[in-house]
Amino acid sequence: MDASVDRVGPPGSDSLVRLLPRFRGPSFPPELRSLRQGSVEVRFVVDSSGRVLKGTVVILSESDRGFGRSVCQFLEQQGRFEVRPIDGKKGRVEVRRASFAFTIG
């Protein structure tokens, strides 16, 4: 592992890893709309190109499995991150804890 961070920074932050602004995050699962909110915490690895390495997403906590599935699908298929270079080189970064909140309204 080249580096690790505790959190993903928001767009515009100086975090080592941040979600690119055009990727809004995981979708609220339609079948869970009656819950109105949910949360997921995950760990994963981002490669130097900003993609999450398949098989590295680990759910640390989830308020419902449907929210966890939505986050995993987003990270492995859609999410793209900006990886800030360390000593002039981009490498893999382990994100030890990233939080995703789901809310309706």
PDB file of N, CA and C in Angstrom:
ATOM      1  N   MET A   1       0.844  -1.163   0.000  1.00  0.00           N
ATOM      2  CA  MET A   1       0.000   0.000   0.000  1.00  0.00           C
ATOM      3  C   MET A   1       0.893   1.231   0.000  1.00  0.00           C
ATOM      4  N   ASP A   2       0.573   2.189  -0.834  1.00  0.00           N
ATOM      5  CA  ASP A   2       1.367   3.401  -0.910  1.00  0.00           C
ATOM      6  C   ASP A   2       1.028   4.395   0.193  1.00  0.00           C
ATOM      7  N   ALA A   3      -0.243   4.529   0.537  1.00  0.00           N
ATOM      8  CA  ALA A   3      -0.674   5.470   1.563  1.00  0.00           C
ATOM      9  C   ALA A   3      -2.030   5.031   2.085  1.00  0.00           C
ATOM     10  N   SER A   4      -2.443   5.639   3.189  1.00  0.00           N
ATOM     11  CA  SER A   4      -3.780   5.379   3.692  1.00  0.00           C
ATOM     12  C   SER A   4      -4.320   6.658   4.325  1.00  0.00           C
ATOM     13  N   VAL A   5      -5.629   6.793   4.310  1.00  0.00           N
ATOM     14  CA  VAL A   5      -6.304   7.951   4.881  1.00  0.00           C
ATOM     15  C   VAL A   5      -7.504   7.470   5.677  1.00  0.00           C
ATOM     16  N   ASP A   6      -7.951   8.311   6.593  1.00  0.00           N
ATOM     17  CA  ASP A   6      -9.113   7.952   7.401  1.00  0.00           C
ATOM     18  C   ASP A   6     -10.428   8.364   6.768  1.00  0.00           C
ATOM     19  N   ARG A   7     -10.401   9.397   5.949  1.00  0.00           N
ATOM     20  CA  ARG A   7     -11.652   9.902   5.381  1.00  0.00           C
ATOM     21  C   ARG A   7     -11.447  10.360   3.945  1.00  0.00           C
ATOM     22  N   VAL A   8     -12.520  10.335   3.180  1.00  0.00           N
ATOM     23  CA  VAL A   8     -12.519  10.890   1.830  1.00  0.00           C
ATOM     24  C   VAL A   8     -12.919  12.347   1.957  1.00  0.00           C
ATOM     25  N   GLY A   9     -12.142  13.226   1.348  1.00  0.00           N
ATOM     26  CA  GLY A   9     -12.463  14.645   1.403  1.00  0.00           C
ATOM     27  C   GLY A   9     -13.533  15.019   0.405  1.00  0.00           C
ATOM     28  N   PRO A  10     -14.273  16.088   0.703  1.00  0.00           N
ATOM     29  CA  PRO A  10     -15.271  16.569  -0.255  1.00  0.00           C
ATOM     30  C   PRO A  10     -14.590  17.243  -1.440  1.00  0.00           C
ATOM     31  N   PRO A  11     -15.307  17.409  -2.548  1.00  0.00           N
ATOM     32  CA  PRO A  11     -14.716  18.123  -3.683  1.00  0.00           C
ATOM     33  C   PRO A  11     -14.155  19.471  -3.232  1.00  0.00           C
ATOM     34  N   GLY A  12     -12.977  19.804  -3.713  1.00  0.00           N
ATOM     35  CA  GLY A  12     -12.349  21.069  -3.363  1.00  0.00           C
ATOM     36  C   GLY A  12     -11.480  21.018  -2.118  1.00  0.00           C
ATOM     37  N   SER A  13     -11.474  19.902  -1.392  1.00  0.00           N
ATOM     38  CA  SER A  13     -10.650  19.814  -0.182  1.00  0.00           C
ATOM     39  C   SER A  13      -9.218  19.443  -0.549  1.00  0.00           C
ATOM     40  N   ASP A  14      -8.339  19.508   0.423  1.00  0.00           N
ATOM     41  CA  ASP A  14      -6.943  19.145   0.177  1.00  0.00           C
ATOM     42  C   ASP A  14      -6.638  17.728   0.661  1.00  0.00           C
ATOM     43  N   SER A  15      -7.671  16.919   0.808  1.00  0.00           N
ATOM     44  CA  SER A  15      -7.503  15.541   1.234  1.00  0.00           C
ATOM     45  C   SER A  15      -6.702  14.754   0.202  1.00  0.00           C
ATOM     46  N   LEU A  16      -6.034  13.712   0.645  1.00  0.00           N
ATOM     47  CA  LEU A  16      -5.258  12.849  -0.246  1.00  0.00           C
ATOM     48  C   LEU A  16      -6.150  12.172  -1.282  1.00  0.00           C
ATOM     49  N   VAL A  17      -7.392  11.856  -0.907  1.00  0.00           N
ATOM     50  CA  VAL A  17      -8.371  11.237  -1.808  1.00  0.00           C
ATOM     51  C   VAL A  17      -9.676  12.004  -1.665  1.00  0.00           C
ATOM     52  N   ARG A  18     -10.267  12.378  -2.800  1.00  0.00           N
ATOM     53  CA  ARG A  18     -11.571  13.044  -2.745  1.00  0.00           C
ATOM     54  C   ARG A  18     -12.416  12.614  -3.927  1.00  0.00           C
ATOM     55  N   LEU A  19     -13.716  12.534  -3.682  1.00  0.00           N
ATOM     56  CA  LEU A  19     -14.657  12.157  -4.720  1.00  0.00           C
ATOM     57  C   LEU A  19     -14.731  13.283  -5.741  1.00  0.00           C
ATOM     58  N   LEU A  20     -14.634  12.937  -7.020  1.00  0.00           N
ATOM     59  CA  LEU A  20     -14.735  13.954  -8.056  1.00  0.00           C
ATOM     60  C   LEU A  20     -16.144  14.552  -8.040  1.00  0.00           C
ATOM     61  N   PRO A  21     -16.259  15.866  -8.241  1.00  0.00           N
ATOM     62  CA  PRO A  21     -17.557  16.549  -8.103  1.00  0.00           C
ATOM     63  C   PRO A  21     -18.664  16.005  -8.996  1.00  0.00           C
ATOM     64  N   ARG A  22     -18.342  15.500 -10.164  1.00  0.00           N
ATOM     65  CA  ARG A  22     -19.408  15.040 -11.061  1.00  0.00           C
ATOM     66  C   ARG A  22     -20.035  13.718 -10.618  1.00  0.00           C
ATOM     67  N   PHE A  23     -19.475  13.065  -9.629  1.00  0.00           N
ATOM     68  CA  PHE A  23     -20.025  11.818  -9.100  1.00  0.00           C
ATOM     69  C   PHE A  23     -20.716  12.128  -7.775  1.00  0.00           C
ATOM     70  N   ARG A  24     -22.035  12.124  -7.812  1.00  0.00           N
ATOM     71  CA  ARG A  24     -22.825  12.595  -6.678  1.00  0.00           C
ATOM     72  C   ARG A  24     -22.917  11.598  -5.527  1.00  0.00           C
ATOM     73  N   GLY A  25     -22.629  10.374  -5.762  1.00  0.00           N
ATOM     74  CA  GLY A  25     -22.721   9.375  -4.708  1.00  0.00           C
ATOM     75  C   GLY A  25     -23.728   8.292  -5.045  1.00  0.00           C
ATOM     76  N   PRO A  26     -23.880   7.331  -4.149  1.00  0.00           N
ATOM     77  CA  PRO A  26     -24.782   6.202  -4.398  1.00  0.00           C
ATOM     78  C   PRO A  26     -26.245   6.630  -4.410  1.00  0.00           C
ATOM     79  N   SER A  27     -27.060   5.865  -5.112  1.00  0.00           N
ATOM     80  CA  SER A  27     -28.497   6.139  -5.202  1.00  0.00           C
ATOM     81  C   SER A  27     -29.227   5.614  -3.973  1.00  0.00           C
ATOM     82  N   PHE A  28     -30.264   6.340  -3.591  1.00  0.00           N
ATOM     83  CA  PHE A  28     -31.134   5.883  -2.512  1.00  0.00           C
ATOM     84  C   PHE A  28     -31.926   4.691  -3.043  1.00  0.00           C
ATOM     85  N   PRO A  29     -31.829   3.521  -2.410  1.00  0.00           N
ATOM     86  CA  PRO A  29     -32.554   2.344  -2.904  1.00  0.00           C
ATOM     87  C   PRO A  29     -34.069   2.581  -2.854  1.00  0.00           C
ATOM     88  N   PRO A  30     -34.761   2.458  -3.982  1.00  0.00           N
ATOM     89  CA  PRO A  30     -36.206   2.723  -4.019  1.00  0.00           C
ATOM     90  C   PRO A  30     -36.997   1.888  -3.008  1.00  0.00           C
ATOM     91  N   GLU A  31     -36.574   0.660  -2.774  1.00  0.00           N
ATOM     92  CA  GLU A  31     -37.310  -0.216  -1.865  1.00  0.00           C
ATOM     93  C   GLU A  31     -37.173   0.204  -0.396  1.00  0.00           C
ATOM     94  N   LEU A  32     -36.264   1.156  -0.113  1.00  0.00           N
ATOM     95  CA  LEU A  32     -36.054   1.598   1.269  1.00  0.00           C
ATOM     96  C   LEU A  32     -36.571   3.015   1.516  1.00  0.00           C
ATOM     97  N   ARG A  33     -37.329   3.557   0.563  1.00  0.00           N
ATOM     98  CA  ARG A  33     -37.812   4.936   0.687  1.00  0.00           C
ATOM     99  C   ARG A  33     -38.629   5.146   1.964  1.00  0.00           C
ATOM    100  N   SER A  34     -39.287   4.126   2.445  1.00  0.00           N
ATOM    101  CA  SER A  34     -40.092   4.276   3.667  1.00  0.00           C
ATOM    102  C   SER A  34     -39.213   4.529   4.895  1.00  0.00           C
ATOM    103  N   LEU A  35     -37.944   4.163   4.830  1.00  0.00           N
ATOM    104  CA  LEU A  35     -37.030   4.401   5.960  1.00  0.00           C
ATOM    105  C   LEU A  35     -36.606   5.870   6.048  1.00  0.00           C
ATOM    106  N   ARG A  36     -36.617   6.572   4.923  1.00  0.00           N
ATOM    107  CA  ARG A  36     -36.308   7.994   4.820  1.00  0.00           C
ATOM    108  C   ARG A  36     -34.848   8.364   5.081  1.00  0.00           C
ATOM    109  N   GLN A  37     -34.078   7.505   5.711  1.00  0.00           N
ATOM    110  CA  GLN A  37     -32.655   7.785   5.909  1.00  0.00           C
ATOM    111  C   GLN A  37     -31.895   6.502   6.207  1.00  0.00           C
ATOM    112  N   GLY A  38     -30.586   6.573   5.995  1.00  0.00           N
ATOM    113  CA  GLY A  38     -29.734   5.423   6.262  1.00  0.00           C
ATOM    114  C   GLY A  38     -28.279   5.837   6.224  1.00  0.00           C
ATOM    115  N   SER A  39     -27.417   4.934   6.618  1.00  0.00           N
ATOM    116  CA  SER A  39     -25.983   5.251   6.618  1.00  0.00           C
ATOM    117  C   SER A  39     -25.161   3.990   6.402  1.00  0.00           C
ATOM    118  N   VAL A  40     -23.961   4.216   5.853  1.00  0.00           N
ATOM    119  CA  VAL A  40     -23.025   3.125   5.591  1.00  0.00           C
ATOM    120  C   VAL A  40     -21.620   3.655   5.828  1.00  0.00           C
ATOM    121  N   GLU A  41     -20.781   2.855   6.450  1.00  0.00           N
ATOM    122  CA  GLU A  41     -19.354   3.150   6.560  1.00  0.00           C
ATOM    123  C   GLU A  41     -18.601   2.002   5.914  1.00  0.00           C
ATOM    124  N   VAL A  42     -17.618   2.351   5.072  1.00  0.00           N
ATOM    125  CA  VAL A  42     -16.875   1.347   4.323  1.00  0.00           C
ATOM    126  C   VAL A  42     -15.379   1.636   4.354  1.00  0.00           C
ATOM    127  N   ARG A  43     -14.635   0.607   3.989  1.00  0.00           N
ATOM    128  CA  ARG A  43     -13.184   0.702   3.762  1.00  0.00           C
ATOM    129  C   ARG A  43     -12.952   0.199   2.345  1.00  0.00           C
ATOM    130  N   PHE A  44     -12.014   0.828   1.619  1.00  0.00           N
ATOM    131  CA  PHE A  44     -11.726   0.405   0.253  1.00  0.00           C
ATOM    132  C   PHE A  44     -10.377   0.950  -0.188  1.00  0.00           C
ATOM    133  N   VAL A  45      -9.925   0.497  -1.354  1.00  0.00           N
ATOM    134  CA  VAL A  45      -8.646   0.936  -1.923  1.00  0.00           C
ATOM    135  C   VAL A  45      -8.911   1.610  -3.263  1.00  0.00           C
ATOM    136  N   VAL A  46      -8.307   2.780  -3.439  1.00  0.00           N
ATOM    137  CA  VAL A  46      -8.397   3.530  -4.695  1.00  0.00           C
ATOM    138  C   VAL A  46      -7.053   3.408  -5.400  1.00  0.00           C
ATOM    139  N   ASP A  47      -7.082   3.068  -6.707  1.00  0.00           N
ATOM    140  CA  ASP A  47      -5.817   2.971  -7.443  1.00  0.00           C
ATOM    141  C   ASP A  47      -5.382   4.356  -7.936  1.00  0.00           C
ATOM    142  N   SER A  48      -4.247   4.418  -8.571  1.00  0.00           N
ATOM    143  CA  SER A  48      -3.681   5.703  -8.985  1.00  0.00           C
ATOM    144  C   SER A  48      -4.517   6.421 -10.036  1.00  0.00           C
ATOM    145  N   SER A  49      -5.406   5.688 -10.728  1.00  0.00           N
ATOM    146  CA  SER A  49      -6.270   6.318 -11.730  1.00  0.00           C
ATOM    147  C   SER A  49      -7.567   6.856 -11.120  1.00  0.00           C
ATOM    148  N   GLY A  50      -7.793   6.599  -9.834  1.00  0.00           N
ATOM    149  CA  GLY A  50      -8.989   7.099  -9.167  1.00  0.00           C
ATOM    150  C   GLY A  50     -10.142   6.125  -9.107  1.00  0.00           C
ATOM    151  N   ARG A  51      -9.909   4.889  -9.521  1.00  0.00           N
ATOM    152  CA  ARG A  51     -10.957   3.859  -9.474  1.00  0.00           C
ATOM    153  C   ARG A  51     -10.783   3.000  -8.226  1.00  0.00           C
ATOM    154  N   VAL A  52     -11.914   2.547  -7.695  1.00  0.00           N
ATOM    155  CA  VAL A  52     -11.882   1.640  -6.554  1.00  0.00           C
ATOM    156  C   VAL A  52     -11.523   0.251  -7.065  1.00  0.00           C
ATOM    157  N   LEU A  53     -10.542  -0.378  -6.432  1.00  0.00           N
ATOM    158  CA  LEU A  53     -10.145  -1.733  -6.825  1.00  0.00           C
ATOM    159  C   LEU A  53     -11.241  -2.718  -6.434  1.00  0.00           C
ATOM    160  N   LYS A  54     -11.691  -3.493  -7.400  1.00  0.00           N
ATOM    161  CA  LYS A  54     -12.739  -4.488  -7.140  1.00  0.00           C
ATOM    162  C   LYS A  54     -12.268  -5.454  -6.064  1.00  0.00           C
ATOM    163  N   GLY A  55     -13.193  -5.823  -5.222  1.00  0.00           N
ATOM    164  CA  GLY A  55     -12.891  -6.772  -4.159  1.00  0.00           C
ATOM    165  C   GLY A  55     -12.287  -6.146  -2.912  1.00  0.00           C
ATOM    166  N   THR A  56     -12.091  -4.819  -2.897  1.00  0.00           N
ATOM    167  CA  THR A  56     -11.489  -4.189  -1.723  1.00  0.00           C
ATOM    168  C   THR A  56     -12.509  -3.488  -0.834  1.00  0.00           C
ATOM    169  N   VAL A  57     -13.759  -3.388  -1.290  1.00  0.00           N
ATOM    170  CA  VAL A  57     -14.772  -2.700  -0.490  1.00  0.00           C
ATOM    171  C   VAL A  57     -15.202  -3.606   0.660  1.00  0.00           C
ATOM    172  N   VAL A  58     -15.079  -3.091   1.873  1.00  0.00           N
ATOM    173  CA  VAL A  58     -15.495  -3.812   3.078  1.00  0.00           C
ATOM    174  C   VAL A  58     -16.473  -2.923   3.831  1.00  0.00           C
ATOM    175  N   ILE A  59     -17.657  -3.443   4.089  1.00  0.00           N
ATOM    176  CA  ILE A  59     -18.643  -2.683   4.852  1.00  0.00           C
ATOM    177  C   ILE A  59     -18.300  -2.793   6.329  1.00  0.00           C
ATOM    178  N   LEU A  60     -18.113  -1.645   6.967  1.00  0.00           N
ATOM    179  CA  LEU A  60     -17.812  -1.600   8.395  1.00  0.00           C
ATOM    180  C   LEU A  60     -19.098  -1.517   9.222  1.00  0.00           C
ATOM    181  N   SER A  61     -20.077  -0.775   8.695  1.00  0.00           N
ATOM    182  CA  SER A  61     -21.391  -0.711   9.324  1.00  0.00           C
ATOM    183  C   SER A  61     -22.402  -0.254   8.283  1.00  0.00           C
ATOM    184  N   GLU A  62     -23.651  -0.681   8.478  1.00  0.00           N
ATOM    185  CA  GLU A  62     -24.728  -0.290   7.569  1.00  0.00           C
ATOM    186  C   GLU A  62     -26.030  -0.324   8.339  1.00  0.00           C
ATOM    187  N   SER A  63     -26.884   0.664   8.080  1.00  0.00           N
ATOM    188  CA  SER A  63     -28.167   0.681   8.765  1.00  0.00           C
ATOM    189  C   SER A  63     -29.147  -0.309   8.132  1.00  0.00           C
ATOM    190  N   ASP A  64     -28.889  -0.692   6.876  1.00  0.00           N
ATOM    191  CA  ASP A  64     -29.688  -1.699   6.177  1.00  0.00           C
ATOM    192  C   ASP A  64     -28.836  -2.260   5.043  1.00  0.00           C
ATOM    193  N   ARG A  65     -28.992  -3.530   4.743  1.00  0.00           N
ATOM    194  CA  ARG A  65     -28.185  -4.154   3.679  1.00  0.00           C
ATOM    195  C   ARG A  65     -28.381  -3.492   2.326  1.00  0.00           C
ATOM    196  N   GLY A  66     -29.571  -2.986   2.062  1.00  0.00           N
ATOM    197  CA  GLY A  66     -29.845  -2.310   0.795  1.00  0.00           C
ATOM    198  C   GLY A  66     -28.975  -1.075   0.608  1.00  0.00           C
ATOM    199  N   PHE A  67     -28.744  -0.329   1.692  1.00  0.00           N
ATOM    200  CA  PHE A  67     -27.862   0.831   1.612  1.00  0.00           C
ATOM    201  C   PHE A  67     -26.420   0.380   1.357  1.00  0.00           C
ATOM    202  N   GLY A  68     -26.020  -0.685   2.006  1.00  0.00           N
ATOM    203  CA  GLY A  68     -24.676  -1.224   1.790  1.00  0.00           C
ATOM    204  C   GLY A  68     -24.464  -1.666   0.349  1.00  0.00           C
ATOM    205  N   ARG A  69     -25.454  -2.346  -0.223  1.00  0.00           N
ATOM    206  CA  ARG A  69     -25.353  -2.769  -1.629  1.00  0.00           C
ATOM    207  C   ARG A  69     -25.234  -1.561  -2.555  1.00  0.00           C
ATOM    208  N   SER A  70     -25.996  -0.517  -2.282  1.00  0.00           N
ATOM    209  CA  SER A  70     -25.957   0.684  -3.115  1.00  0.00           C
ATOM    210  C   SER A  70     -24.573   1.322  -3.082  1.00  0.00           C
ATOM    211  N   VAL A  71     -23.971   1.403  -1.905  1.00  0.00           N
ATOM    212  CA  VAL A  71     -22.629   1.981  -1.769  1.00  0.00           C
ATOM    213  C   VAL A  71     -21.599   1.124  -2.490  1.00  0.00           C
ATOM    214  N   CYS A  72     -21.651  -0.186  -2.306  1.00  0.00           N
ATOM    215  CA  CYS A  72     -20.695  -1.080  -2.977  1.00  0.00           C
ATOM    216  C   CYS A  72     -20.807  -0.963  -4.491  1.00  0.00           C
ATOM    217  N   GLN A  73     -22.032  -0.962  -4.997  1.00  0.00           N
ATOM    218  CA  GLN A  73     -22.236  -0.843  -6.441  1.00  0.00           C
ATOM    219  C   GLN A  73     -21.684   0.488  -6.950  1.00  0.00           C
ATOM    220  N   PHE A  74     -21.971   1.563  -6.247  1.00  0.00           N
ATOM    221  CA  PHE A  74     -21.470   2.883  -6.647  1.00  0.00           C
ATOM    222  C   PHE A  74     -19.940   2.897  -6.674  1.00  0.00           C
ATOM    223  N   LEU A  75     -19.319   2.422  -5.611  1.00  0.00           N
ATOM    224  CA  LEU A  75     -17.856   2.479  -5.523  1.00  0.00           C
ATOM    225  C   LEU A  75     -17.194   1.637  -6.608  1.00  0.00           C
ATOM    226  N   GLU A  76     -17.692   0.433  -6.823  1.00  0.00           N
ATOM    227  CA  GLU A  76     -17.032  -0.471  -7.768  1.00  0.00           C
ATOM    228  C   GLU A  76     -17.369  -0.195  -9.228  1.00  0.00           C
ATOM    229  N   GLN A  77     -18.489   0.477  -9.502  1.00  0.00           N
ATOM    230  CA  GLN A  77     -18.889   0.668 -10.891  1.00  0.00           C
ATOM    231  C   GLN A  77     -18.873   2.112 -11.362  1.00  0.00           C
ATOM    232  N   GLN A  78     -19.131   3.065 -10.475  1.00  0.00           N
ATOM    233  CA  GLN A  78     -19.321   4.432 -10.928  1.00  0.00           C
ATOM    234  C   GLN A  78     -18.379   5.453 -10.300  1.00  0.00           C
ATOM    235  N   GLY A  79     -18.125   5.352  -9.033  1.00  0.00           N
ATOM    236  CA  GLY A  79     -17.373   6.383  -8.313  1.00  0.00           C
ATOM    237  C   GLY A  79     -15.959   6.575  -8.834  1.00  0.00           C
ATOM    238  N   ARG A  80     -15.565   7.817  -8.962  1.00  0.00           N
ATOM    239  CA  ARG A  80     -14.192   8.141  -9.365  1.00  0.00           C
ATOM    240  C   ARG A  80     -13.643   9.173  -8.384  1.00  0.00           C
ATOM    241  N   PHE A  81     -12.390   9.000  -8.064  1.00  0.00           N
ATOM    242  CA  PHE A  81     -11.756   9.834  -7.060  1.00  0.00           C
ATOM    243  C   PHE A  81     -10.525  10.526  -7.630  1.00  0.00           C
ATOM    244  N   GLU A  82     -10.221  11.652  -7.043  1.00  0.00           N
ATOM    245  CA  GLU A  82      -8.962  12.326  -7.349  1.00  0.00           C
ATOM    246  C   GLU A  82      -7.962  11.879  -6.292  1.00  0.00           C
ATOM    247  N   VAL A  83      -6.824  11.398  -6.736  1.00  0.00           N
ATOM    248  CA  VAL A  83      -5.769  10.957  -5.826  1.00  0.00           C
ATOM    249  C   VAL A  83      -4.642  11.981  -5.901  1.00  0.00           C
ATOM    250  N   ARG A  84      -4.351  12.617  -4.807  1.00  0.00           N
ATOM    251  CA  ARG A  84      -3.295  13.617  -4.773  1.00  0.00           C
ATOM    252  C   ARG A  84      -1.928  12.925  -4.747  1.00  0.00           C
ATOM    253  N   PRO A  85      -1.000  13.398  -5.557  1.00  0.00           N
ATOM    254  CA  PRO A  85       0.335  12.783  -5.591  1.00  0.00           C
ATOM    255  C   PRO A  85       1.091  12.956  -4.264  1.00  0.00           C
ATOM    256  N   ILE A  86       1.888  11.960  -3.968  1.00  0.00           N
ATOM    257  CA  ILE A  86       2.807  12.023  -2.823  1.00  0.00           C
ATOM    258  C   ILE A  86       4.210  11.954  -3.400  1.00  0.00           C
ATOM    259  N   ASP A  87       5.025  12.930  -3.082  1.00  0.00           N
ATOM    260  CA  ASP A  87       6.380  13.008  -3.641  1.00  0.00           C
ATOM    261  C   ASP A  87       6.358  12.941  -5.168  1.00  0.00           C
ATOM    262  N   GLY A  88       5.347  13.594  -5.765  1.00  0.00           N
ATOM    263  CA  GLY A  88       5.258  13.667  -7.221  1.00  0.00           C
ATOM    264  C   GLY A  88       4.688  12.445  -7.909  1.00  0.00           C
ATOM    265  N   LYS A  89       4.282  11.421  -7.142  1.00  0.00           N
ATOM    266  CA  LYS A  89       3.757  10.192  -7.750  1.00  0.00           C
ATOM    267  C   LYS A  89       2.391   9.854  -7.164  1.00  0.00           C
ATOM    268  N   LYS A  90       1.493   9.419  -8.049  1.00  0.00           N
ATOM    269  CA  LYS A  90       0.201   8.929  -7.588  1.00  0.00           C
ATOM    270  C   LYS A  90       0.318   7.440  -7.341  1.00  0.00           C
ATOM    271  N   GLY A  91      -0.232   7.004  -6.233  1.00  0.00           N
ATOM    272  CA  GLY A  91      -0.189   5.582  -5.915  1.00  0.00           C
ATOM    273  C   GLY A  91      -1.537   5.111  -5.430  1.00  0.00           C
ATOM    274  N   ARG A  92      -1.580   3.888  -4.952  1.00  0.00           N
ATOM    275  CA  ARG A  92      -2.810   3.348  -4.375  1.00  0.00           C
ATOM    276  C   ARG A  92      -2.989   3.925  -2.977  1.00  0.00           C
ATOM    277  N   VAL A  93      -4.252   4.140  -2.628  1.00  0.00           N
ATOM    278  CA  VAL A  93      -4.571   4.690  -1.313  1.00  0.00           C
ATOM    279  C   VAL A  93      -5.665   3.847  -0.677  1.00  0.00           C
ATOM    280  N   GLU A  94      -5.429   3.411   0.539  1.00  0.00           N
ATOM    281  CA  GLU A  94      -6.471   2.725   1.297  1.00  0.00           C
ATOM    282  C   GLU A  94      -7.260   3.774   2.071  1.00  0.00           C
ATOM    283  N   VAL A  95      -8.565   3.788   1.849  1.00  0.00           N
ATOM    284  CA  VAL A  95      -9.446   4.655   2.622  1.00  0.00           C
ATOM    285  C   VAL A  95      -9.968   3.789   3.766  1.00  0.00           C
ATOM    286  N   ARG A  96      -9.527   4.088   4.983  1.00  0.00           N
ATOM    287  CA  ARG A  96      -9.848   3.237   6.125  1.00  0.00           C
ATOM    288  C   ARG A  96     -11.291   3.383   6.600  1.00  0.00           C
ATOM    289  N   ARG A  97     -11.874   4.568   6.377  1.00  0.00           N
ATOM    290  CA  ARG A  97     -13.257   4.766   6.813  1.00  0.00           C
ATOM    291  C   ARG A  97     -13.877   5.889   5.990  1.00  0.00           C
ATOM    292  N   ALA A  98     -14.898   5.555   5.231  1.00  0.00           N
ATOM    293  CA  ALA A  98     -15.657   6.551   4.469  1.00  0.00           C
ATOM    294  C   ALA A  98     -17.124   6.389   4.839  1.00  0.00           C
ATOM    295  N   SER A  99     -17.773   7.500   5.095  1.00  0.00           N
ATOM    296  CA  SER A  99     -19.177   7.490   5.503  1.00  0.00           C
ATOM    297  C   SER A  99     -20.068   7.969   4.366  1.00  0.00           C
ATOM    298  N   PHE A 100     -21.184   7.296   4.195  1.00  0.00           N
ATOM    299  CA  PHE A 100     -22.202   7.684   3.228  1.00  0.00           C
ATOM    300  C   PHE A 100     -23.521   7.794   3.953  1.00  0.00           C
ATOM    301  N   ALA A 101     -24.185   8.928   3.806  1.00  0.00           N
ATOM    302  CA  ALA A 101     -25.486   9.160   4.444  1.00  0.00           C
ATOM    303  C   ALA A 101     -26.556   9.249   3.366  1.00  0.00           C
ATOM    304  N   PHE A 102     -27.680   8.614   3.615  1.00  0.00           N
ATOM    305  CA  PHE A 102     -28.827   8.634   2.702  1.00  0.00           C
ATOM    306  C   PHE A 102     -29.952   9.385   3.406  1.00  0.00           C
ATOM    307  N   THR A 103     -30.556  10.327   2.705  1.00  0.00           N
ATOM    308  CA  THR A 103     -31.674  11.092   3.275  1.00  0.00           C
ATOM    309  C   THR A 103     -32.678  11.430   2.179  1.00  0.00           C
ATOM    310  N   ILE A 104     -33.929  11.385   2.526  1.00  0.00           N
ATOM    311  CA  ILE A 104     -34.987  11.832   1.623  1.00  0.00           C
ATOM    312  C   ILE A 104     -35.596  13.082   2.253  1.00  0.00           C
ATOM    313  N   GLY A 105     -35.758  14.121   1.417  1.00  0.00           N
ATOM    314  CA  GLY A 105     -36.431  15.331   1.886  1.00  0.00           C
ATOM    315  C   GLY A 105     -35.589  16.425   2.319  1.00  0.00           C
TER     316      GLY A 105
END
